[in-house]
Protein backbone atom coordinates (compact mmCIF):
# COMPACT_ATOMS: atom_id res chain seq x y z
CA MET A 1 30.39 -17.42 1.00
CA GLU A 2 29.79 -20.95 1.59
CA TRP A 3 26.40 -22.04 1.30
CA THR A 4 25.65 -25.18 3.40
CA SER A 5 22.20 -27.38 4.03
CA PHE A 6 21.87 -25.51 7.40
CA ASP A 7 21.64 -21.92 5.56
CA THR A 8 18.96 -23.91 3.09
CA TRP A 9 16.87 -24.47 6.12
CA ILE A 10 17.40 -21.81 7.66
CA VAL A 11 15.58 -19.96 4.88
CA VAL A 12 13.21 -22.31 4.60
CA THR A 13 12.36 -21.88 7.87
CA GLY A 14 12.03 -18.46 7.67
CA ALA A 15 9.91 -18.36 4.52
CA LEU A 16 7.38 -20.44 5.94
CA SER A 17 7.40 -18.77 8.95
CA ALA A 18 7.01 -15.39 7.14
CA ALA A 19 4.48 -16.21 4.17
CA ALA A 20 2.05 -17.72 7.25
CA CYS A 21 2.31 -14.41 9.11
CA ALA A 22 1.42 -12.67 5.90
CA LEU A 23 -1.12 -14.25 4.72
CA LEU A 24 -3.15 -13.28 7.89
CA GLY A 25 -1.32 -9.59 7.58
CA ASN A 26 -3.50 -9.06 4.37
CA TYR A 27 -6.93 -8.73 6.27
CA LEU A 28 -5.52 -6.60 9.47
CA VAL A 29 -3.76 -4.50 6.91
CA LEU A 30 -7.29 -4.24 5.18
CA ARG A 31 -9.08 -3.82 8.33
CA LYS A 32 -7.25 -1.32 9.22
CA LEU A 33 -5.76 -3.44 11.88
CA SER A 34 -1.95 -3.51 11.55
CA MET A 35 -1.04 -2.57 15.46
CA MET A 36 -3.75 -5.22 16.16
CA GLY A 37 -0.85 -7.65 15.45
CA ASP A 38 1.91 -6.09 17.09
CA ALA A 39 -0.14 -6.16 19.98
CA ILE A 40 -1.08 -9.72 19.88
CA SER A 41 2.36 -10.50 19.19
CA HIS A 42 3.16 -8.93 22.57
CA ALA A 43 0.38 -9.82 24.52
CA VAL A 44 1.11 -13.30 24.23
CA LEU A 45 3.93 -13.52 26.17
CA PRO A 46 2.07 -14.17 29.96
CA GLY A 47 0.55 -17.07 28.02
CA LEU A 48 3.27 -18.55 26.48
CA ALA A 49 4.99 -17.66 30.85
CA LEU A 50 1.85 -19.55 32.75
CA ALA A 51 1.81 -22.41 30.33
CA PHE A 52 5.55 -22.90 31.41
CA ILE A 53 4.87 -22.11 34.62
CA ILE A 54 2.27 -24.78 34.87
CA THR A 55 3.38 -27.26 32.71
CA GLY A 56 7.27 -27.18 33.40
CA SER A 57 7.81 -27.35 29.89
CA ARG A 58 8.32 -26.42 26.31
CA ASP A 59 5.85 -28.45 24.63
CA SER A 60 4.25 -27.31 22.16
CA LEU A 61 0.91 -27.42 22.43
CA PRO A 62 0.43 -25.87 25.76
CA MET A 63 2.56 -23.42 24.13
CA LEU A 64 0.10 -23.06 21.78
CA VAL A 65 -2.59 -23.13 23.94
CA GLY A 66 -1.51 -20.65 26.54
CA ALA A 67 -0.75 -18.01 23.91
CA THR A 68 -3.57 -18.71 21.51
CA ALA A 69 -6.20 -18.11 25.12
CA ILE A 70 -4.30 -14.76 26.10
CA GLY A 71 -4.10 -13.71 22.45
CA VAL A 72 -7.93 -13.92 22.27
CA LEU A 73 -8.48 -12.42 25.22
CA THR A 74 -6.15 -9.39 23.34
CA ALA A 75 -8.70 -9.15 21.10
CA PHE A 76 -11.54 -9.00 22.82
CA LEU A 77 -10.60 -6.57 25.48
CA VAL A 78 -9.53 -4.19 22.87
CA GLN A 79 -12.76 -4.69 21.35
CA ALA A 80 -14.60 -4.29 24.87
CA LEU A 81 -12.65 -1.47 25.58
CA PHE A 82 -13.09 0.72 22.50
CA ARG A 83 -16.59 -0.14 22.87
CA LEU A 84 -17.31 0.64 26.47
CA SER A 85 -14.97 3.88 26.24
CA GLU A 86 -14.38 6.88 23.81
CA LEU A 87 -11.14 5.80 22.83
CA GLU A 88 -9.45 5.70 19.45
CA LYS A 89 -8.95 1.84 18.74
CA GLY A 90 -4.82 2.63 19.07
CA ALA A 91 -4.80 3.70 22.21
CA THR A 92 -7.35 0.63 23.30
CA MET A 93 -4.67 -1.62 21.58
CA GLY A 94 -1.94 0.41 23.57
CA VAL A 95 -3.33 0.21 26.60
CA ILE A 96 -3.71 -3.52 26.49
CA PHE A 97 -0.93 -5.02 25.01
CA THR A 98 1.66 -2.56 26.88
CA THR A 99 0.28 -4.13 30.06
CA PHE A 100 0.29 -7.49 29.11
CA PHE A 101 3.22 -7.50 27.48
CA ALA A 102 5.02 -6.22 30.90
CA LEU A 103 2.90 -8.81 32.64
CA GLY A 104 4.55 -10.89 30.53
CA LEU A 105 8.02 -9.76 30.69
CA ILE A 106 7.71 -10.43 34.32
CA LEU A 107 6.01 -13.86 34.34
CA ILE A 108 9.04 -14.67 32.13
CA ARG A 109 11.65 -13.94 34.38
CA GLN A 110 9.94 -15.59 37.20
CA ALA A 111 9.59 -18.54 34.81
CA ALA A 112 13.34 -18.08 33.45
CA ASP A 113 14.73 -19.44 36.76
CA HIS A 114 12.28 -22.85 36.91
CA VAL A 115 12.37 -23.89 33.13
CA ASP A 116 14.27 -23.40 30.31
CA LEU A 117 13.33 -20.33 29.19
CA ASP A 118 15.38 -17.48 27.42
CA PRO A 119 13.69 -14.48 27.44
CA SER A 120 16.01 -13.40 24.12
CA CYS A 121 14.87 -15.91 22.19
CA VAL A 122 10.98 -14.57 22.41
CA LEU A 123 11.90 -11.36 21.45
CA TYR A 124 14.56 -12.39 19.04
CA GLY A 125 14.41 -16.02 17.90
CA ALA A 126 16.67 -18.57 16.95
CA ILE A 127 16.55 -19.53 13.41
CA GLU A 128 20.03 -19.80 12.89
CA LEU A 129 19.74 -23.10 15.73
CA THR A 130 16.36 -24.72 14.09
CA PRO A 131 18.36 -27.07 11.60
CA LEU A 132 19.82 -28.54 15.15
CA ASP A 133 16.19 -29.75 16.02
CA VAL A 134 14.68 -32.40 13.43
CA TYR A 135 12.55 -34.37 12.93
CA GLU A 136 12.96 -37.33 11.07
CA LEU A 137 10.39 -37.71 8.24
CA MET A 138 10.08 -40.05 5.61
CA GLY A 139 13.96 -40.62 6.21
CA MET A 140 14.75 -37.55 5.93
CA GLU A 141 15.60 -35.40 8.70
CA ILE A 142 13.53 -32.06 8.65
CA PRO A 143 13.76 -29.12 11.41
CA ARG A 144 11.46 -29.62 14.37
CA ALA A 145 10.75 -25.06 13.23
CA ALA A 146 10.32 -25.47 9.43
CA LEU A 147 7.53 -28.34 10.22
CA THR A 148 5.89 -26.17 13.07
CA ASN A 149 5.44 -23.39 10.40
CA LEU A 150 4.41 -25.73 7.44
CA GLY A 151 1.36 -26.69 9.50
CA MET A 152 0.44 -23.19 10.76
CA LEU A 153 0.99 -22.50 6.57
CA ALA A 154 -1.58 -25.15 5.99
CA VAL A 155 -4.05 -24.31 8.44
CA ASN A 156 -3.84 -20.30 7.53
CA LEU A 157 -4.12 -21.14 4.14
CA LEU A 158 -7.22 -24.08 4.42
CA PHE A 159 -8.79 -20.86 6.46
CA VAL A 160 -8.81 -18.56 4.06
CA GLY A 161 -9.61 -20.85 1.27
CA LEU A 162 -12.98 -22.03 3.14
CA PHE A 163 -13.75 -18.45 4.09
CA TYR A 164 -11.98 -16.27 1.63
CA LYS A 165 -15.85 -14.69 0.05
CA GLU A 166 -16.56 -14.30 3.85
CA LEU A 167 -13.15 -12.40 4.92
CA LYS A 168 -13.07 -10.10 1.91
CA ILE A 169 -16.80 -9.26 2.62
CA THR A 170 -16.03 -8.45 6.42
CA SER A 171 -13.14 -6.70 5.21
CA PHE A 172 -14.56 -4.06 3.43
CA ASP A 173 -17.81 -3.96 4.39
CA PRO A 174 -18.76 -5.59 7.52
CA ALA A 175 -22.34 -4.10 8.22
CA LEU A 176 -23.10 -5.70 4.20
CA ALA A 177 -21.47 -8.66 5.27
CA THR A 178 -24.15 -9.03 8.53
CA THR A 179 -27.25 -8.02 6.29
CA LEU A 180 -26.16 -10.67 4.36
CA GLY A 181 -26.20 -13.55 7.32
CA ILE A 182 -22.29 -13.63 7.37
CA ASN A 183 -21.10 -13.90 11.26
CA ALA A 184 -18.54 -10.92 11.05
CA THR A 185 -18.27 -11.09 14.73
CA PHE A 186 -17.16 -15.09 14.66
CA LEU A 187 -14.56 -14.36 11.44
CA HIS A 188 -13.37 -11.71 13.50
CA TYR A 189 -12.14 -13.64 16.24
CA ALA A 190 -11.12 -16.84 14.23
CA LEU A 191 -9.04 -14.46 12.13
CA MET A 192 -7.27 -13.23 15.61
CA THR A 193 -7.21 -16.47 16.89
CA LEU A 194 -4.96 -17.76 14.28
CA VAL A 195 -2.91 -14.73 14.07
CA ALA A 196 -2.22 -15.76 17.42
CA ALA A 197 -1.49 -19.20 17.15
CA THR A 198 0.90 -18.15 14.08
CA THR A 199 2.92 -15.93 16.52
CA VAL A 200 3.49 -18.67 18.56
CA ALA A 201 4.37 -20.71 15.68
CA ALA A 202 7.13 -18.22 14.97
CA PHE A 203 8.32 -17.38 18.24
CA GLU A 204 10.93 -20.00 18.84
CA SER A 205 11.99 -19.74 15.51
CA VAL A 206 12.29 -16.12 14.66
CA GLY A 207 10.46 -14.34 17.83
CA SER A 208 8.32 -11.60 18.06
CA ILE A 209 9.93 -8.89 16.14
CA LEU A 210 10.06 -10.48 12.80
CA VAL A 211 6.44 -11.70 13.37
CA ILE A 212 5.58 -8.19 13.64
CA ALA A 213 7.32 -7.08 10.53
CA MET A 214 5.88 -10.36 8.70
CA LEU A 215 2.15 -9.79 9.60
CA ILE A 216 2.10 -6.04 8.32
CA VAL A 217 5.34 -5.28 5.76
CA PRO A 218 4.27 -7.92 2.89
CA ALA A 219 0.38 -7.15 3.21
CA ALA A 220 1.54 -3.47 3.15
CA THR A 221 4.25 -3.88 0.18
CA ALA A 222 1.36 -6.14 -1.76
CA HIS A 223 -0.80 -3.02 -1.09
CA LEU A 224 1.17 -0.93 -3.05
CA LEU A 225 1.62 -3.44 -5.88
CA THR A 226 -2.30 -4.36 -6.68
CA ASP A 227 -5.50 -3.05 -5.65
CA ARG A 228 -6.99 -7.18 -6.08
CA LEU A 229 -7.34 -9.62 -2.57
CA GLY A 230 -6.57 -12.54 -4.66
CA ALA A 231 -3.42 -10.88 -6.29
CA MET A 232 -2.50 -9.35 -3.23
CA LEU A 233 -2.74 -12.25 -1.12
CA VAL A 234 0.00 -14.00 -3.55
CA ILE A 235 2.17 -11.03 -3.69
CA SER A 236 2.76 -11.03 -0.17
CA VAL A 237 3.47 -14.63 0.65
CA LEU A 238 6.24 -14.37 -2.73
CA ILE A 239 7.67 -10.83 -1.01
CA ALA A 240 7.54 -12.95 2.42
CA ALA A 241 9.74 -16.08 1.21
CA LEU A 242 12.07 -13.56 -0.81
CA SER A 243 12.55 -11.51 2.24
CA ALA A 244 14.13 -14.55 4.20
CA LEU A 245 16.33 -15.48 1.35
CA LEU A 246 17.31 -11.62 1.47
CA GLY A 247 17.21 -11.45 4.69
CA HIS A 248 19.51 -14.44 5.48
CA LEU A 249 22.39 -13.78 2.48
CA GLY A 250 22.68 -9.84 4.08
CA ALA A 251 23.34 -11.44 7.80
CA ILE A 252 25.85 -14.05 5.86
CA THR A 253 27.47 -10.85 3.92
CA VAL A 254 27.16 -8.37 5.00
CA PRO A 255 28.35 -8.02 8.22
CA THR A 256 31.52 -9.52 6.72
CA TRP A 257 32.12 -5.59 4.64
CA PHE A 258 32.54 -3.93 7.89
CA GLY A 259 34.98 -6.74 9.35
CA PHE A 260 32.25 -8.94 11.29
CA THR A 261 31.37 -11.84 11.06
CA ASP A 262 27.81 -12.07 10.83
CA THR A 263 24.69 -11.02 12.56
CA SER A 264 21.20 -11.62 13.12
CA THR A 265 19.17 -13.17 10.47
CA ALA A 266 15.80 -12.53 12.05
CA GLY A 267 16.77 -9.09 12.46
CA MET A 268 18.04 -9.18 8.47
CA MET A 269 14.84 -10.91 7.64
CA GLY A 270 12.94 -7.65 9.16
CA VAL A 271 15.44 -5.20 7.46
CA ALA A 272 14.85 -7.28 4.17
CA THR A 273 11.35 -6.76 3.78
CA GLY A 274 11.28 -2.58 4.77
CA LEU A 275 13.81 -2.48 2.11
CA ILE A 276 11.47 -4.32 -0.54
CA PHE A 277 8.78 -1.75 1.01
CA LEU A 278 11.07 1.22 0.65
CA VAL A 279 11.73 0.17 -2.85
CA THR A 280 7.85 -0.52 -4.02
CA PHE A 281 6.93 2.82 -2.12
CA LEU A 282 9.26 4.61 -4.66
CA LEU A 283 8.76 3.07 -7.99
CA ALA A 284 5.20 1.10 -7.18
CA PRO A 285 3.43 1.93 -10.62
CA ARG A 286 0.37 3.49 -9.44
CA TYR A 287 0.81 3.99 -5.99
CA GLY A 288 4.92 4.58 -5.92
CA VAL A 289 6.33 8.25 -4.97
CA VAL A 290 8.35 8.30 -8.06
CA SER A 291 5.09 7.03 -10.60
CA ARG A 292 2.87 9.93 -8.85
CA VAL A 293 5.29 12.82 -9.04
CA LEU A 294 5.73 11.55 -12.87
CA ARG A 295 1.96 11.76 -13.39
CA GLN A 296 1.57 15.17 -12.10
CA TRP A 297 4.59 16.13 -14.00
CA GLN A 298 3.09 14.30 -17.14
CA LEU A 299 -0.52 16.42 -16.44
CA SER A 300 1.30 20.00 -15.68
CA LEU A 301 2.76 19.54 -19.15
CA LYS A 302 -0.59 18.83 -20.62
CA ILE A 303 -2.36 21.38 -19.31
CA VAL A 304 -0.03 23.88 -19.96
CA ALA A 305 0.43 22.84 -23.71
CA ASP A 306 -3.52 23.14 -23.67
CA ASP A 307 -2.92 26.75 -22.38
CA VAL A 308 -0.42 27.54 -25.50
CA LEU A 309 -3.03 26.47 -28.20
CA GLY A 310 -5.91 27.72 -26.52
CA PHE A 311 -4.08 30.79 -26.30
CA LEU A 312 -2.66 30.63 -29.62
CA TYR A 313 -5.98 30.54 -31.30
CA ARG A 314 -7.87 33.34 -29.21
CA TYR A 315 -4.86 35.08 -30.84
CA GLU A 316 -5.49 33.66 -34.25
CA GLU A 317 -9.30 35.14 -33.54
CA LEU A 318 -8.74 38.37 -32.59
CA LYS A 319 -4.84 39.84 -34.63
CA GLN A 320 -5.35 41.91 -37.17
CA PRO A 321 -3.15 41.17 -40.35
CA GLN A 322 -0.44 43.99 -38.97
CA SER A 323 -0.27 41.49 -36.15
CA PRO A 324 3.45 40.02 -34.78
CA PRO A 325 3.69 36.43 -34.62
CA VAL A 326 3.20 35.32 -30.80
CA GLN A 327 6.56 34.43 -29.46
CA ALA A 328 7.63 32.53 -26.17
CA GLY A 329 7.98 35.27 -24.08
CA ASP A 330 4.49 36.73 -24.45
CA LEU A 331 3.00 32.98 -23.81
CA GLN A 332 5.82 32.67 -20.85
CA LYS A 333 4.27 36.34 -19.23
CA ALA A 334 0.82 34.97 -20.58
CA LEU A 335 0.58 31.74 -18.72
CA LYS A 336 2.86 32.26 -16.12
CA ALA A 337 4.26 28.69 -16.72
CA GLY A 338 7.60 29.03 -15.29
CA GLY A 339 9.79 26.31 -16.48
CA SER A 340 7.35 24.15 -17.66
CA LEU A 341 6.49 26.30 -21.10
CA TRP A 342 9.88 24.76 -22.67
CA PRO A 343 9.18 21.18 -22.36
CA ALA A 344 5.25 21.70 -23.61
CA LEU A 345 6.64 23.39 -26.49
CA TRP A 346 9.06 20.89 -27.17
CA GLN A 347 6.24 18.28 -26.85
CA LEU A 348 3.44 20.61 -28.79
CA LYS A 349 6.29 20.95 -32.07
CA ARG A 350 6.96 16.86 -31.55
CA ARG A 351 2.90 16.50 -32.28
CA GLY A 352 3.04 18.08 -34.86
CA ALA A 353 0.47 21.20 -33.16
CA ILE A 354 3.15 24.36 -33.93
CA ARG A 355 6.37 25.60 -35.48
CA GLN A 356 8.79 28.15 -34.00
CA THR A 357 11.26 29.92 -36.20
CA ALA A 358 13.60 32.08 -33.58
CA ASP A 359 11.59 33.24 -30.70
CA ASP A 360 8.16 33.18 -32.60
CA VAL A 361 5.60 30.62 -31.84
CA LEU A 362 3.35 29.68 -34.77
CA PRO A 363 0.48 27.07 -34.51
CA THR A 364 -0.20 24.87 -37.45
CA GLU A 365 -3.12 23.60 -38.65
CA THR A 366 -3.44 20.32 -36.50
CA GLY A 367 -2.86 23.01 -33.37
CA LEU A 368 -5.58 25.03 -34.23
CA ALA A 369 -7.46 22.42 -34.51
CA GLN A 370 -6.83 21.36 -31.30
CA GLY A 371 -6.77 24.65 -29.45
CA ALA A 372 -10.50 25.15 -31.23
CA ARG A 373 -11.78 21.95 -29.43
CA LEU A 374 -10.01 23.30 -26.26
CA VAL A 375 -11.84 26.68 -26.53
CA ARG A 376 -14.73 25.00 -27.69
CA SER A 377 -14.99 23.32 -24.51
CA HIS A 378 -14.13 26.16 -22.19
CA ARG A 379 -17.02 28.26 -23.62
CA LEU A 380 -19.34 25.47 -23.17
CA TRP A 381 -18.51 24.92 -20.02
CA GLU A 382 -19.51 28.82 -19.22
CA SER A 383 -23.07 28.11 -21.31
CA TYR A 384 -23.93 25.72 -19.19
CA LEU A 385 -22.36 26.51 -15.91
CA CYS A 386 -24.73 30.25 -16.15
CA ASP A 387 -27.62 28.72 -17.56
CA ALA A 388 -27.90 25.24 -15.80
CA LEU A 389 -26.52 26.30 -13.06
CA GLN A 390 -27.02 29.59 -12.88
CA MET A 391 -23.61 30.70 -11.90
CA CYS A 392 -22.43 34.51 -12.60
CA PRO A 393 -20.59 34.75 -16.12
CA THR A 394 -18.12 36.72 -14.23
CA ASP A 395 -17.33 33.57 -11.75
CA VAL A 396 -17.32 30.79 -14.49
CA HIS A 397 -14.22 31.66 -16.40
CA ALA A 398 -12.11 29.98 -14.06
CA LEU A 399 -13.62 26.89 -13.25
CA ALA A 400 -14.60 26.21 -17.03
CA HIS A 401 -10.45 26.63 -17.63
CA ASP A 402 -10.26 24.39 -15.11
CA LEU A 403 -12.76 21.24 -16.46
CA GLU A 404 -11.61 22.00 -20.25
CA HIS A 405 -8.09 20.32 -19.55
CA PHE A 406 -10.70 17.15 -18.95
CA THR A 407 -13.32 16.99 -21.49
CA ASP A 408 -13.69 14.79 -24.35
CA ALA A 409 -15.05 15.15 -27.91
CA SER A 410 -18.16 13.08 -26.58
CA MET A 411 -18.33 15.26 -23.34
CA SER A 412 -18.44 18.04 -24.89
CA GLU A 413 -21.19 17.82 -27.41
CA ALA A 414 -23.30 16.68 -24.42
CA LEU A 415 -22.89 20.25 -22.59
CA ALA A 416 -23.96 21.32 -26.08
CA ARG A 417 -26.88 19.70 -26.09
CA GLN A 418 -27.53 20.18 -22.49
CA SER A 419 -26.97 24.28 -23.30
CA GLY A 420 -29.38 24.65 -26.41
CA ASP A 421 -26.14 24.28 -28.89
CA PRO A 422 -25.29 27.77 -28.73
CA ASN A 423 -23.37 29.95 -30.66
CA ILE A 424 -22.45 32.31 -28.37
CA ASP A 425 -20.99 31.69 -24.99
CA PRO A 426 -21.95 34.53 -21.66
CA HIS A 427 -18.87 36.91 -22.46
CA GLU A 428 -20.49 37.43 -26.15
CA ARG A 429 -17.89 35.69 -27.41
CA GLN A 430 -18.32 33.30 -30.77
CA ILE A 431 -17.95 29.39 -29.80
CA PRO A 432 -15.89 27.40 -32.65
CA PRO A 433 -18.00 25.05 -34.40
CA LEU A 434 -16.39 21.15 -33.90
CA PRO A 435 -13.60 21.02 -35.72
CA LYS A 436 -14.02 18.24 -39.04
């Protein structure tokens, strides 16, 4: 693979376009308007076609004006149809953008006979050709598409910077924004206008397909990584730029593995951002699938380990001098813990809470103290539920068993105070004193 200045400008153009889209896409995701980006990116086609038909040229200004006007009209019609009908918002978007998209294809087909207009360019873009159309700036030749997308990114940054607080409030609580005197309607249509303009700016270079991906996927990926809006904006822009780089690298290398020369760079950029989302979806520290599975597994082990300590403490309460030690098989039958019992026993042994001799499971002093705290919490919960909530003693055991695993020392003592520091639970069993 030989990297040239053409490759650099392709990546720069794609990164600028993707970053401009991702910046606004965060607010679409937060406002649950992800489909609105899809709707606008398709619905602006009639505006492009009308601009071509009326002016007979592909100048940026008439394209931008025509497409932006149709984009704002799309947002207005979606809102109006949503308010005036009983359809849900997704259905109203589908009605509007499919109709406008079909009309746009008809007009583009008509316009193609009169002006230099390639319908596939509108859909897929021609980012590979952007380094050929250059503009000389300060003695350096820069692709016009890169300058266009840079300008759009600057406008979006300025908009987000000026209205950061207002956009944040209207995205999370439009009603609160109205009570604070913030014009949520103006910000909504200003955002939709910029989404339409950003879509148009990206059409020639990356086409509508990649625009849809970059409006939503980087923002959705960032949302899996953070709950803070500022960090989400930065992360989404970085993901968008990384997708452009990885996408172009993939376009010029992956096809060669299968005997081809290359493939669509814009398409591979969309695939790259999808793959980044997939990896994040699986491995994100808080919301990733693997992380959630591991946390659930750790929680289940904690509960089983608590149940083992509680069982051992209760057995010590009731056992007679001639009673045999508890065996692992007894715990398996009593707790019905399945395969979780063995790693829970290993964990308790590592913590010094139990000792194992052959099949016997013996509590240590540390284990008995931990079991006493657990049983104390359980019986205090039973007392509180019976006394304060007037629940029947026969109904409180299962609920107390669930709550005992999440009761710390301060909550346990609060329960004791609220229940009048009882010594006996509703089942006439001794409540263990607080271990020293």
